[in-house]
Amino acid sequence: MNSTSLALLTIPVAYLIGAIPFGYLTALWARGVDIRTVGSGNIGATNVGRVLGFRFFVIVFLLDLAKGFLPTYLFPLAVARATGQTVPQLGVFVALATIMGHNFPIYLKFKGGKGVATSLGALLALNWVASLAAFAGFVLTLVVTRYVSFSSMLGGLVFLAVYFVRVDDPWNQEHLAMSVVTIGLFSLLVVRHRKNIVRIKEGTEPKVSFRKNRPSGRVAWVLIPILALIAVAAIYGLAAQANRRSELQLRPYDLTEVERVGTGHQRTERLAYADGGKLLAVTCPRYNRVVLYRVTETEQLEVARDIELEGKPVAVWTTQDRLYVLVRPSGDERHVKPGWWQAFDLQGEPIGTRVTAGMYPDDLIVTPDGRHALVLSSGRGEGDPKRPAPALEIFDLDATPAQVVGRLEFDQPGDDPARIKLSARGNHAAVTLLGSNQMAAVDLANWEKPVLISRSSLQKSEAPHLSETDDDSILTAITPDRDAVVIPWPKTVAERGGCLACILPGSTGLTLIDAATRRLLGHFPLRAGSLNLGVARPMGLAFSPERGLLAVATRSGSVHLIAVRNRLKNINKHEQVAVSGPENRR
């Protein structure tokens, strides 16, 4: 069973779990009471607590919370483990199914509860920060007003507010389902409490009594200043969090986030520095754009040019005076028309005509001397047997227009080229092949006749790594969901190797690894949202050795700039970082 089929199966199962009426069953088994016929007639924890006592409220509340949390948290993990593929937004739809099950249970003729505890459990699995904020809002409001219904609605409003504050772009493809469901659930919560709203207005809504004797009015006067202090502390904490910069100390480097900007184009993927680190090119594939940023002396990013393309950019590369962008046709045209690459100057003006680059192009890289471009294309590797074989094509950039001078085809079943890395001297290349799950080593001694040297298995859990010889080095195991750049060690620390800043599958930050020993050095968090309460998923990396600046592209469409400082030499922010290796030759 494929991932989509299994994911679809989890949704009705989640509904059936959510529909289990724990309040009804608890009252029936404990006291023989049909909870639907007493109190408010609701099967939720509040009515059970009013009728049977506080301990039964706790039992039902936790059970309802668990039936929302467990399917939402576990089902996406189970699908990913069973099929090897994650299904985007599956957790959101499972959460919705469990909540609908509680509100409209098939076992009780679709007459259920109001979904407060089940919603809290489901949303806790999706966004624990907003859920805990909502729970805190619920508890504080309940202490002051003693209205469970009003506290539930206010808790829902707190969740809504915190969620939208934490997410950079709630309406992009990654967050759209969650944003719509969040608004929908809050609206449903209000609708399900409409009678309670009327009773609160009329003064007939029952209040919760925390003890047999109701607290006197003096309690409220004690609670008000306490709550005010809590609110002030919370505001202060949020302000401090908003101004907090991600930092990581490694010997000998200090990593500090110095800038974060949103492109306004929802998703960023590939980056490349140019002009000695003074220019940064960023691909925005969702809107067919490449954004050029000036990197100022104060390490800020200023938009220099927003280039609109006629297709989806899949790779970007820079040389001393040029920018190369590899493009796939947009929409259904990508299945019938070949891709192309286009050269630009560093002001974003096109140079010459665009050059055809094969069916389903994937990656592009230019040799250190700037004379050849290497382009990967998937061809029939993407499922169309009528297309050419997957291939690596080598273009002579000295010719006008550029001409293909060498070609290497990948002919094993499942071969689907994804990424290419060039060695420091440009004599060898490493090509990752999806489908066949292999890495191909290519000899480029003769540009007209590239030779496939070997194939090796590519482990799914493997991080990118740096392979070094006496006179050459290359980064390998690079795929669309695994990227890395080399931050070389200063000569005072080591003559070879360096720190690998890596993106690993499903990560929400950068992983730092010692290239020589493969030892984990630390994790650098990438925060998102105006209050830094969210997390960002990295998509691409670039490193400027001249400026000591690491740039990270994220799925949400932002670009993070991270300063890399040599702590041992106590260098200032304008001092250069000594480097060597393939990532420094862009």
Protein backbone atom coordinates (compact mmCIF):
# COMPACT_ATOMS: atom_id res chain seq x y z
CA MET A 1 0.00 0.00 0.00
CA ASN A 2 1.41 3.38 -0.98
CA SER A 3 1.64 6.36 1.35
CA THR A 4 -1.42 8.16 -0.04
CA SER A 5 -3.71 5.13 0.30
CA LEU A 6 -2.52 4.43 3.83
CA ALA A 7 -2.92 8.10 4.76
CA LEU A 8 -6.50 8.13 3.48
CA LEU A 9 -7.24 5.03 5.57
CA THR A 10 -6.07 6.73 8.76
CA ILE A 11 -8.69 9.50 8.49
CA PRO A 12 -11.84 7.35 9.03
CA VAL A 13 -9.97 5.41 11.72
CA ALA A 14 -9.20 8.70 13.45
CA TYR A 15 -12.88 9.67 13.23
CA LEU A 16 -13.95 6.37 14.84
CA ILE A 17 -11.43 6.87 17.66
CA GLY A 18 -12.55 10.45 18.17
CA ALA A 19 -16.18 9.32 18.25
CA ILE A 20 -15.64 7.11 21.33
CA PRO A 21 -17.93 8.84 23.92
CA PHE A 22 -15.76 8.58 27.03
CA GLY A 23 -18.02 10.92 29.00
CA TYR A 24 -21.11 8.85 28.24
CA LEU A 25 -19.31 5.54 28.96
CA THR A 26 -17.71 6.77 32.19
CA ALA A 27 -21.00 8.00 33.63
CA LEU A 28 -22.75 4.79 32.56
CA TRP A 29 -20.12 2.45 33.98
CA ALA A 30 -19.41 4.40 37.17
CA ARG A 31 -22.93 5.31 38.28
CA GLY A 32 -25.31 3.81 35.75
CA VAL A 33 -26.25 7.32 34.60
CA ASP A 34 -27.06 8.33 31.04
CA ILE A 35 -25.20 11.63 31.08
CA ARG A 36 -27.33 12.87 28.17
CA THR A 37 -30.39 13.01 30.46
CA VAL A 38 -28.90 15.01 33.35
CA GLY A 39 -27.24 18.38 33.79
CA SER A 40 -26.74 20.16 30.48
CA GLY A 41 -27.13 16.89 28.58
CA ASN A 42 -23.64 17.24 27.11
CA ILE A 43 -21.34 14.19 27.06
CA GLY A 44 -18.19 16.23 27.71
CA ALA A 45 -15.97 16.39 30.77
CA THR A 46 -17.63 19.55 32.20
CA ASN A 47 -21.10 18.05 32.48
CA VAL A 48 -19.71 14.76 33.79
CA GLY A 49 -17.81 16.69 36.46
CA ARG A 50 -20.90 18.65 37.50
CA VAL A 51 -22.96 15.47 37.87
CA LEU A 52 -20.42 12.94 39.20
CA GLY A 53 -17.69 15.07 40.80
CA PHE A 54 -14.35 16.64 39.98
CA ARG A 55 -12.34 13.41 39.74
CA PHE A 56 -14.63 12.19 36.96
CA PHE A 57 -14.13 15.51 35.18
CA VAL A 58 -10.36 14.86 35.24
CA ILE A 59 -10.76 11.29 33.98
CA VAL A 60 -13.01 12.22 31.06
CA PHE A 61 -10.96 15.31 30.21
CA LEU A 62 -7.74 13.29 29.96
CA LEU A 63 -9.39 10.53 27.93
CA ASP A 64 -10.89 13.03 25.49
CA LEU A 65 -7.56 14.83 25.26
CA ALA A 66 -5.74 11.54 24.58
CA LYS A 67 -8.08 10.51 21.76
CA GLY A 68 -7.28 13.78 20.04
CA PHE A 69 -3.53 13.74 20.71
CA LEU A 70 -2.56 10.13 20.03
CA PRO A 71 -3.99 9.65 16.51
CA THR A 72 -2.78 13.11 15.42
CA TYR A 73 0.73 12.45 16.69
CA LEU A 74 1.11 8.75 15.87
CA PHE A 75 -0.72 8.22 12.56
CA PRO A 76 1.60 10.43 10.43
CA LEU A 77 4.62 8.73 12.03
CA ALA A 78 3.15 5.29 11.34
CA VAL A 79 2.48 6.13 7.68
CA ALA A 80 6.02 7.49 7.24
CA ARG A 81 7.56 4.43 8.86
CA ALA A 82 5.43 1.94 6.92
CA THR A 83 5.93 3.53 3.49
CA GLY A 84 9.17 5.47 3.85
CA GLN A 85 7.39 8.66 2.78
CA THR A 86 5.83 11.48 4.76
CA VAL A 87 2.42 12.80 3.74
CA PRO A 88 2.28 16.60 4.08
CA GLN A 89 -0.49 17.95 6.33
CA LEU A 90 -1.74 14.45 7.23
CA GLY A 91 -1.66 15.38 10.92
CA VAL A 92 -4.02 18.31 10.26
CA PHE A 93 -6.63 16.10 8.61
CA VAL A 94 -6.32 13.39 11.27
CA ALA A 95 -6.81 16.06 13.94
CA LEU A 96 -9.91 17.34 12.18
CA ALA A 97 -11.29 13.80 11.91
CA THR A 98 -10.88 13.11 15.64
CA ILE A 99 -12.56 16.40 16.58
CA MET A 100 -15.46 15.77 14.20
CA GLY A 101 -15.74 12.30 15.69
CA HIS A 102 -16.13 13.75 19.20
CA ASN A 103 -18.57 16.44 18.13
CA PHE A 104 -20.63 14.17 15.87
CA PRO A 105 -20.12 10.56 17.07
CA ILE A 106 -21.64 7.83 14.93
CA TYR A 107 -22.13 5.71 18.08
CA LEU A 108 -24.59 8.27 19.57
CA LYS A 109 -26.48 9.23 16.42
CA PHE A 110 -24.05 12.12 15.77
CA LYS A 111 -24.97 13.96 18.98
CA GLY A 112 -21.70 14.60 20.79
CA GLY A 113 -19.76 17.09 22.85
CA LYS A 114 -18.29 20.47 22.12
CA GLY A 115 -14.79 19.21 21.40
CA VAL A 116 -12.75 21.34 23.80
CA ALA A 117 -10.55 18.61 25.30
CA THR A 118 -10.28 16.64 22.05
CA SER A 119 -9.36 19.79 20.13
CA LEU A 120 -6.73 20.65 22.73
CA GLY A 121 -5.21 17.17 22.44
CA ALA A 122 -5.17 17.23 18.63
CA LEU A 123 -3.75 20.73 18.44
CA LEU A 124 -1.19 19.88 21.10
CA ALA A 125 0.23 17.32 18.66
CA LEU A 126 0.30 19.90 15.85
CA ASN A 127 1.48 23.02 17.68
CA TRP A 128 2.38 22.53 21.31
CA VAL A 129 3.39 26.15 21.93
CA ALA A 130 0.03 27.59 20.85
CA SER A 131 -1.79 24.76 22.65
CA LEU A 132 -0.05 25.42 25.96
CA ALA A 133 -0.77 29.12 25.57
CA ALA A 134 -4.42 28.28 24.96
CA PHE A 135 -4.51 26.03 28.02
CA ALA A 136 -2.96 28.76 30.16
CA GLY A 137 -5.53 31.23 28.86
CA PHE A 138 -8.30 28.74 29.63
CA VAL A 139 -7.10 28.15 33.21
CA LEU A 140 -6.55 31.82 34.05
CA THR A 141 -9.94 32.81 32.64
CA LEU A 142 -11.62 29.97 34.50
CA VAL A 143 -10.04 31.05 37.79
CA VAL A 144 -11.34 34.60 37.34
CA THR A 145 -14.77 34.02 35.75
CA ARG A 146 -15.52 30.38 36.70
CA TYR A 147 -17.31 30.03 33.34
CA VAL A 148 -16.02 26.90 31.58
CA SER A 149 -17.72 27.86 28.32
CA PHE A 150 -16.29 31.37 28.22
CA SER A 151 -12.85 30.06 29.22
CA SER A 152 -12.97 27.49 26.42
CA MET A 153 -13.74 30.13 23.80
CA LEU A 154 -11.04 32.45 25.12
CA GLY A 155 -8.55 29.56 25.07
CA GLY A 156 -9.47 28.95 21.44
CA LEU A 157 -8.91 32.60 20.66
CA VAL A 158 -5.49 32.50 22.36
CA PHE A 159 -4.52 29.49 20.23
CA LEU A 160 -5.62 31.30 17.10
CA ALA A 161 -3.61 34.41 17.99
CA VAL A 162 -0.43 32.57 19.00
CA TYR A 163 -0.55 30.33 15.93
CA PHE A 164 -0.78 33.23 13.49
CA VAL A 165 1.91 35.20 15.34
CA ARG A 166 4.34 32.25 15.15
CA VAL A 167 3.92 31.43 11.46
CA ASP A 168 5.73 33.61 8.95
CA ASP A 169 3.30 32.98 6.07
CA PRO A 170 0.16 31.14 7.23
CA TRP A 171 -1.34 31.11 3.73
CA ASN A 172 1.43 29.37 1.82
CA GLN A 173 1.03 25.77 0.71
CA GLU A 174 2.81 24.35 3.73
CA HIS A 175 0.56 26.07 6.31
CA LEU A 176 -2.69 26.63 4.40
CA ALA A 177 -4.49 23.53 5.68
CA MET A 178 -3.52 24.21 9.29
CA SER A 179 -4.54 27.87 9.02
CA VAL A 180 -7.96 27.05 7.56
CA VAL A 181 -8.58 24.26 10.09
CA THR A 182 -7.55 26.52 12.98
CA ILE A 183 -10.03 29.21 11.97
CA GLY A 184 -12.69 26.59 11.26
CA LEU A 185 -12.29 24.91 14.64
CA PHE A 186 -12.49 28.20 16.50
CA SER A 187 -15.65 29.09 14.56
CA LEU A 188 -17.11 25.66 15.36
CA LEU A 189 -16.18 26.12 19.03
CA VAL A 190 -18.10 29.40 19.16
CA VAL A 191 -21.10 27.91 17.32
CA ARG A 192 -21.22 24.92 19.68
CA HIS A 193 -21.24 27.34 22.65
CA ARG A 194 -23.89 29.70 21.28
CA LYS A 195 -26.42 28.68 23.96
CA ASN A 196 -23.79 29.23 26.64
CA ILE A 197 -23.17 32.72 25.27
CA VAL A 198 -26.88 33.51 25.63
CA ARG A 199 -26.94 32.16 29.21
CA ILE A 200 -23.84 34.18 30.14
CA LYS A 201 -25.55 37.30 28.79
CA GLU A 202 -28.70 36.51 30.81
CA GLY A 203 -26.71 35.62 33.95
CA THR A 204 -27.99 32.03 34.09
CA GLU A 205 -24.83 30.18 33.01
CA PRO A 206 -23.61 27.84 35.81
CA LYS A 207 -20.24 28.62 37.33
CA VAL A 208 -17.61 26.18 38.48
CA SER A 209 -17.17 25.97 42.24
CA PHE A 210 -13.59 25.13 43.24
CA ARG A 211 -14.70 24.21 46.74
CA LYS A 212 -17.91 23.60 48.55
CA ASN A 213 -18.05 27.13 49.89
CA ARG A 214 -17.82 29.64 47.09
CA PRO A 215 -14.83 31.96 47.25
CA SER A 216 -15.57 35.40 48.49
CA GLY A 217 -15.23 38.55 46.41
CA ARG A 218 -11.89 39.21 48.09
CA VAL A 219 -10.38 36.27 46.18
CA ALA A 220 -10.87 38.11 42.90
CA TRP A 221 -9.07 41.18 44.28
CA VAL A 222 -6.14 38.93 45.20
CA LEU A 223 -6.15 37.16 41.83
CA ILE A 224 -6.32 40.33 39.73
CA PRO A 225 -2.87 41.68 40.70
CA ILE A 226 -1.40 38.16 40.47
CA LEU A 227 -2.78 37.77 36.97
CA ALA A 228 -1.55 41.26 36.09
CA LEU A 229 1.97 40.31 37.20
CA ILE A 230 1.75 37.10 35.18
CA ALA A 231 0.63 39.10 32.15
CA VAL A 232 3.50 41.60 32.55
CA ALA A 233 5.97 38.73 32.92
CA ALA A 234 4.54 37.06 29.83
CA ILE A 235 4.79 40.27 27.79
CA TYR A 236 8.35 40.80 28.96
CA GLY A 237 9.22 37.20 28.09
CA LEU A 238 7.68 37.50 24.62
CA ALA A 239 9.56 40.75 24.00
CA ALA A 240 12.82 39.13 25.07
CA GLN A 241 12.10 36.14 22.86
CA ALA A 242 11.32 38.41 19.90
CA ASN A 243 14.74 40.08 20.23
CA ARG A 244 16.60 36.83 20.80
CA ARG A 245 19.14 35.78 18.19
CA SER A 246 20.05 32.15 17.59
CA GLU A 247 23.62 31.44 18.69
CA LEU A 248 25.93 28.46 18.89
CA GLN A 249 29.47 28.24 20.23
CA LEU A 250 31.83 25.77 18.59
CA ARG A 251 35.54 25.61 19.11
CA PRO A 252 36.88 27.68 17.36
CA TYR A 253 33.79 29.36 15.86
CA ASP A 254 30.88 31.36 17.21
CA LEU A 255 27.76 31.24 15.03
CA THR A 256 25.27 34.09 15.42
CA GLU A 257 22.21 34.96 13.38
CA VAL A 258 22.66 38.56 12.23
CA GLU A 259 19.83 39.00 9.73
CA ARG A 260 16.53 37.46 8.68
CA VAL A 261 14.40 38.65 5.79
CA GLY A 262 11.30 37.41 4.03
CA THR A 263 11.39 37.28 0.24
CA GLY A 264 7.62 37.63 -0.02
CA HIS A 265 7.59 34.62 -2.35
CA GLN A 266 6.62 31.91 0.17
CA ARG A 267 9.45 29.45 -0.50
CA THR A 268 13.19 29.74 -1.01
CA GLU A 269 15.40 26.82 -2.01
CA ARG A 270 18.86 27.41 -3.51
CA LEU A 271 21.40 30.14 -2.77
CA ALA A 272 24.74 31.29 -4.13
CA TYR A 273 27.10 34.09 -3.10
CA ALA A 274 28.80 36.30 -5.69
CA ASP A 275 31.20 39.25 -5.83
CA GLY A 276 33.19 38.18 -2.79
CA GLY A 277 30.13 37.72 -0.62
CA LYS A 278 28.67 41.14 -1.44
CA LEU A 279 25.79 39.64 -3.45
CA LEU A 280 23.45 36.76 -2.60
CA ALA A 281 21.22 35.05 -5.20
CA VAL A 282 18.14 33.21 -3.88
CA THR A 283 15.73 31.04 -5.90
CA CYS A 284 11.99 31.32 -5.20
CA PRO A 285 10.53 28.43 -7.25
CA ARG A 286 6.91 28.92 -6.26
CA TYR A 287 6.74 32.28 -8.03
CA ASN A 288 9.40 31.63 -10.70
CA ARG A 289 11.82 34.21 -9.38
CA VAL A 290 15.41 34.75 -8.37
CA VAL A 291 15.97 37.51 -5.81
CA LEU A 292 19.37 39.25 -5.67
CA TYR A 293 20.36 40.75 -2.33
CA ARG A 294 23.18 43.15 -1.57
CA VAL A 295 24.99 42.07 1.58
CA THR A 296 25.91 45.35 3.25
CA GLU A 297 28.98 46.10 5.34
CA THR A 298 26.75 45.87 8.42
CA GLU A 299 25.65 42.37 7.31
CA GLN A 300 22.13 43.32 6.32
CA LEU A 301 20.29 42.09 3.23
CA GLU A 302 18.91 44.67 0.79
CA VAL A 303 17.00 43.69 -2.34
CA ALA A 304 19.05 44.57 -5.41
CA ARG A 305 16.93 42.89 -8.08
CA ASP A 306 13.87 40.64 -8.22
CA ILE A 307 14.22 38.65 -11.46
CA GLU A 308 11.04 37.18 -12.94
CA LEU A 309 11.61 34.00 -14.96
CA GLU A 310 9.48 32.15 -17.47
CA GLY A 311 9.71 28.91 -15.52
CA LYS A 312 10.65 27.36 -12.19
CA PRO A 313 14.27 27.89 -11.05
CA VAL A 314 15.77 24.63 -9.84
CA ALA A 315 19.44 25.64 -9.43
CA VAL A 316 21.62 28.73 -9.27
CA TRP A 317 25.38 29.11 -9.59
CA THR A 318 27.73 32.07 -9.67
CA THR A 319 31.15 32.79 -11.14
CA GLN A 320 33.33 35.87 -10.85
CA ASP A 321 31.07 37.98 -13.05
CA ARG A 322 28.03 35.89 -13.93
CA LEU A 323 24.97 34.25 -12.51
CA TYR A 324 23.63 31.01 -14.03
CA VAL A 325 20.04 29.90 -13.41
CA LEU A 326 18.67 26.48 -14.39
CA VAL A 327 14.94 26.57 -15.18
CA ARG A 328 12.12 24.05 -15.73
CA PRO A 329 9.01 25.07 -17.69
CA SER A 330 6.00 25.89 -15.51
CA GLY A 331 2.88 23.78 -15.03
CA ASP A 332 2.10 21.03 -17.52
CA GLU A 333 4.62 22.45 -20.00
CA ARG A 334 7.38 20.79 -18.00
CA HIS A 335 6.16 17.43 -19.41
CA VAL A 336 6.37 18.46 -23.05
CA LYS A 337 9.11 21.10 -23.24
CA PRO A 338 12.77 20.88 -22.27
CA GLY A 339 14.29 23.06 -19.59
CA TRP A 340 17.00 25.66 -20.10
CA TRP A 341 19.63 27.71 -18.38
CA GLN A 342 20.18 31.43 -18.65
CA ALA A 343 23.20 33.57 -17.79
CA PHE A 344 22.86 36.98 -16.09
CA ASP A 345 25.33 39.62 -15.07
CA LEU A 346 25.61 40.56 -11.40
CA GLN A 347 23.04 43.33 -11.86
CA GLY A 348 20.47 40.73 -12.97
CA GLU A 349 20.52 41.60 -16.68
CA PRO A 350 20.36 38.59 -19.06
CA ILE A 351 23.46 37.75 -21.09
CA GLY A 352 22.95 36.11 -24.45
CA THR A 353 20.14 33.68 -25.18
CA ARG A 354 18.90 30.86 -23.02
CA VAL A 355 20.39 27.41 -23.65
CA THR A 356 18.31 24.21 -23.86
CA ALA A 357 19.17 21.88 -20.97
CA GLY A 358 17.19 18.64 -21.54
CA MET A 359 13.95 17.21 -20.19
CA TYR A 360 13.36 17.68 -16.47
CA PRO A 361 16.64 19.42 -15.57
CA ASP A 362 17.67 19.04 -11.92
CA ASP A 363 20.98 20.69 -11.14
CA LEU A 364 23.70 22.89 -12.61
CA ILE A 365 27.28 23.61 -11.60
CA VAL A 366 30.09 25.57 -13.25
CA THR A 367 33.75 24.51 -13.16
CA PRO A 368 36.23 26.58 -11.12
CA ASP A 369 37.78 28.05 -14.28
CA GLY A 370 34.36 29.14 -15.54
CA ARG A 371 34.79 27.37 -18.89
CA HIS A 372 32.30 24.50 -18.53
CA ALA A 373 28.84 24.02 -17.11
CA LEU A 374 27.59 20.61 -15.93
CA VAL A 375 23.84 20.03 -16.10
CA LEU A 376 21.84 17.07 -14.77
CA SER A 377 18.52 16.10 -16.34
CA SER A 378 16.17 13.29 -15.30
CA GLY A 379 14.59 12.51 -18.68
CA ARG A 380 12.76 9.20 -18.49
CA GLY A 381 13.84 8.93 -14.84
CA GLU A 382 10.66 10.88 -13.96
CA GLY A 383 8.42 8.19 -15.39
CA ASP A 384 7.98 8.95 -19.10
CA PRO A 385 9.63 6.12 -21.12
CA LYS A 386 9.49 8.21 -24.31
CA ARG A 387 11.97 10.73 -22.94
CA PRO A 388 15.77 10.58 -23.28
CA ALA A 389 17.81 8.71 -20.70
CA PRO A 390 18.84 10.53 -17.52
CA ALA A 391 22.13 12.23 -18.22
CA LEU A 392 24.93 14.54 -17.24
CA GLU A 393 25.67 17.02 -20.04
CA ILE A 394 28.78 19.19 -20.23
CA PHE A 395 28.53 22.58 -21.95
CA ASP A 396 31.45 24.56 -23.38
CA LEU A 397 30.86 28.11 -22.15
CA ASP A 398 33.56 29.56 -24.42
CA ALA A 399 31.41 28.74 -27.46
CA THR A 400 28.77 31.20 -28.65
CA PRO A 401 26.16 29.98 -28.04
CA ALA A 402 27.24 27.38 -25.48
CA GLN A 403 27.45 23.87 -26.93
CA VAL A 404 27.19 20.37 -25.47
CA VAL A 405 30.63 18.76 -25.73
CA GLY A 406 30.21 15.76 -23.45
CA ARG A 407 27.42 13.49 -22.23
CA LEU A 408 27.13 10.66 -19.70
CA GLU A 409 23.92 8.64 -19.45
CA PHE A 410 22.67 6.82 -16.35
CA ASP A 411 21.03 3.60 -17.50
CA GLN A 412 20.20 1.52 -14.43
CA PRO A 413 16.54 1.02 -13.40
CA GLY A 414 15.33 3.83 -11.15
CA ASP A 415 18.18 6.21 -11.98
CA ASP A 416 16.89 9.75 -11.42
CA PRO A 417 19.68 12.34 -11.07
CA ALA A 418 19.06 14.85 -8.28
CA ARG A 419 22.19 16.77 -7.30
CA ILE A 420 25.79 17.11 -8.48
CA LYS A 421 28.89 18.18 -6.58
CA LEU A 422 32.23 19.03 -8.17
CA SER A 423 35.61 18.42 -6.59
CA ALA A 424 37.81 21.36 -5.63
CA ARG A 425 40.03 20.92 -8.70
CA GLY A 426 37.11 20.15 -11.01
CA ASN A 427 38.46 16.73 -12.02
CA HIS A 428 35.70 14.63 -10.46
CA ALA A 429 31.98 14.87 -9.73
CA ALA A 430 29.59 13.07 -7.39
CA VAL A 431 26.02 12.59 -8.66
CA THR A 432 23.21 11.43 -6.36
CA LEU A 433 20.68 9.17 -8.06
CA LEU A 434 17.25 8.90 -6.50
CA GLY A 435 15.12 5.83 -7.17
CA SER A 436 18.17 3.60 -7.48
CA ASN A 437 19.36 5.22 -4.23
CA GLN A 438 22.98 5.43 -5.30
CA MET A 439 25.82 7.89 -5.61
CA ALA A 440 27.78 7.87 -8.87
CA ALA A 441 31.44 8.94 -9.05
CA VAL A 442 32.38 10.56 -12.39
CA ASP A 443 35.84 11.17 -13.88
CA LEU A 444 36.02 14.51 -15.73
CA ALA A 445 39.63 14.35 -16.93
CA ASN A 446 38.31 14.51 -20.49
CA TRP A 447 35.38 16.93 -20.77
CA GLU A 448 34.25 15.33 -24.03
CA LYS A 449 34.17 11.83 -22.55
CA PRO A 450 33.07 11.84 -18.90
CA VAL A 451 33.49 8.37 -17.37
CA LEU A 452 31.36 6.71 -14.70
CA ILE A 453 33.93 5.34 -12.23
CA SER A 454 31.75 3.67 -9.63
CA ARG A 455 28.41 3.51 -7.89
CA SER A 456 27.84 3.21 -4.16
CA SER A 457 24.73 2.79 -2.03
CA LEU A 458 23.29 5.96 -0.54
CA GLN A 459 22.06 5.43 3.00
CA LYS A 460 18.86 7.28 3.87
CA SER A 461 20.20 8.24 7.28
CA GLU A 462 23.57 9.36 5.94
CA ALA A 463 24.60 12.97 6.40
CA PRO A 464 26.62 14.72 3.69
CA HIS A 465 30.34 14.25 4.13
CA LEU A 466 33.63 15.63 2.87
CA SER A 467 35.98 13.23 1.06
CA GLU A 468 39.59 14.44 0.87
CA THR A 469 42.84 13.37 -0.80
CA ASP A 470 46.21 15.05 -0.79
CA ASP A 471 45.31 17.37 -3.66
CA ASP A 472 41.54 17.32 -3.97
CA SER A 473 38.29 17.25 -1.98
CA ILE A 474 34.59 16.82 -2.67
CA LEU A 475 31.28 16.92 -0.80
CA THR A 476 29.14 13.83 -1.33
CA ALA A 477 25.72 12.44 -0.34
CA ILE A 478 23.94 15.65 -1.31
CA THR A 479 20.22 15.28 -2.14
CA PRO A 480 17.24 17.68 -2.32
CA ASP A 481 16.58 17.11 1.40
CA ARG A 482 20.24 16.93 2.47
CA ASP A 483 22.60 19.79 1.81
CA ALA A 484 25.88 20.93 3.29
CA VAL A 485 28.64 23.51 3.04
CA VAL A 486 32.20 23.38 4.33
CA ILE A 487 33.40 25.90 6.88
CA PRO A 488 37.14 25.11 6.96
CA TRP A 489 39.00 25.05 10.24
CA PRO A 490 41.59 27.81 10.72
CA LYS A 491 45.16 26.60 10.17
CA THR A 492 45.77 27.11 13.87
CA VAL A 493 43.30 24.30 14.55
CA ALA A 494 43.83 21.85 11.68
CA GLU A 495 45.49 21.75 8.28
CA ARG A 496 42.62 19.81 6.71
CA GLY A 497 38.94 19.16 7.12
CA GLY A 498 36.53 21.60 8.64
CA CYS A 499 33.04 21.98 9.98
CA LEU A 500 30.13 20.76 7.88
CA ALA A 501 26.96 22.81 8.25
CA CYS A 502 24.30 20.31 7.18
CA ILE A 503 20.60 20.19 6.43
CA LEU A 504 19.21 16.79 7.32
CA PRO A 505 15.78 15.37 6.33
CA GLY A 506 12.94 16.83 8.41
CA SER A 507 15.26 19.13 10.37
CA THR A 508 14.24 22.55 11.66
CA GLY A 509 17.78 23.84 12.02
CA LEU A 510 21.36 23.21 10.99
CA THR A 511 23.45 20.26 12.14
CA LEU A 512 27.18 20.94 12.62
CA ILE A 513 29.56 18.00 12.11
CA ASP A 514 33.34 17.68 12.22
CA ALA A 515 34.24 16.67 8.65
CA ALA A 516 37.20 14.50 9.64
CA THR A 517 35.83 12.63 12.65
CA ARG A 518 32.08 12.75 11.74
CA ARG A 519 31.53 13.87 15.34
CA LEU A 520 28.41 15.88 16.09
CA LEU A 521 29.39 19.41 17.13
CA GLY A 522 25.97 20.92 17.76
CA HIS A 523 22.66 22.13 16.36
CA PHE A 524 21.90 25.67 15.27
CA PRO A 525 18.17 26.48 15.66
CA LEU A 526 16.33 28.45 13.01
CA ARG A 527 13.44 30.39 14.50
CA ALA A 528 10.46 31.86 12.68
CA GLY A 529 7.67 34.33 13.37
CA SER A 530 7.78 37.85 14.69
CA LEU A 531 8.15 36.54 18.27
CA ASN A 532 10.67 33.80 17.41
CA LEU A 533 8.26 31.17 18.74
CA GLY A 534 8.11 29.21 15.50
CA VAL A 535 10.70 27.08 13.77
CA ALA A 536 11.88 27.27 10.16
CA ARG A 537 12.64 24.33 7.91
CA PRO A 538 15.90 24.89 6.00
CA MET A 539 16.04 24.11 2.28
CA GLY A 540 19.40 25.36 0.99
CA LEU A 541 22.79 26.64 2.15
CA ALA A 542 25.59 28.86 0.90
CA PHE A 543 28.79 30.04 2.58
CA SER A 544 30.85 33.13 1.80
CA PRO A 545 34.45 32.54 2.92
CA GLU A 546 35.37 36.16 2.21
CA ARG A 547 32.73 37.51 4.60
CA GLY A 548 32.42 34.57 6.97
CA LEU A 549 28.66 34.49 6.36
CA LEU A 550 26.42 31.46 6.12
CA ALA A 551 23.08 31.93 4.29
CA VAL A 552 20.11 29.61 4.78
CA ALA A 553 16.98 29.41 2.61
CA THR A 554 13.78 28.14 4.29
CA ARG A 555 10.53 26.57 3.22
CA SER A 556 8.56 29.53 4.58
CA GLY A 557 10.30 31.91 2.15
CA SER A 558 12.78 33.58 4.49
CA VAL A 559 16.55 33.92 4.27
CA HIS A 560 18.69 33.70 7.42
CA LEU A 561 22.17 35.21 7.55
CA ILE A 562 24.54 33.65 10.10
CA ALA A 563 27.91 35.15 10.98
CA VAL A 564 30.76 32.68 11.53
CA ARG A 565 33.43 34.19 13.82
CA ASN A 566 36.85 32.80 14.69
CA ARG A 567 36.70 33.00 18.47
CA LEU A 568 40.31 31.90 18.98
CA LYS A 569 41.65 34.89 17.06
CA ASN A 570 38.94 37.23 18.33
CA ILE A 571 38.40 38.51 14.80
CA ASN A 572 35.90 41.28 14.17
CA LYS A 573 32.95 40.99 11.85
CA HIS A 574 34.77 42.36 8.82
CA GLU A 575 37.78 40.02 9.06
CA GLN A 576 38.08 37.23 6.50
CA VAL A 577 37.88 33.52 7.28
CA ALA A 578 40.68 31.48 5.69
CA VAL A 579 39.17 28.70 3.59
CA SER A 580 39.79 25.94 1.09
CA GLY A 581 37.60 23.38 -0.64
CA PRO A 582 34.91 23.05 -3.28
CA GLU A 583 32.38 25.40 -1.68
CA ASN A 584 34.76 28.36 -1.91
CA ARG A 585 35.04 28.46 -5.68
CA ARG A 586 31.68 29.92 -6.56
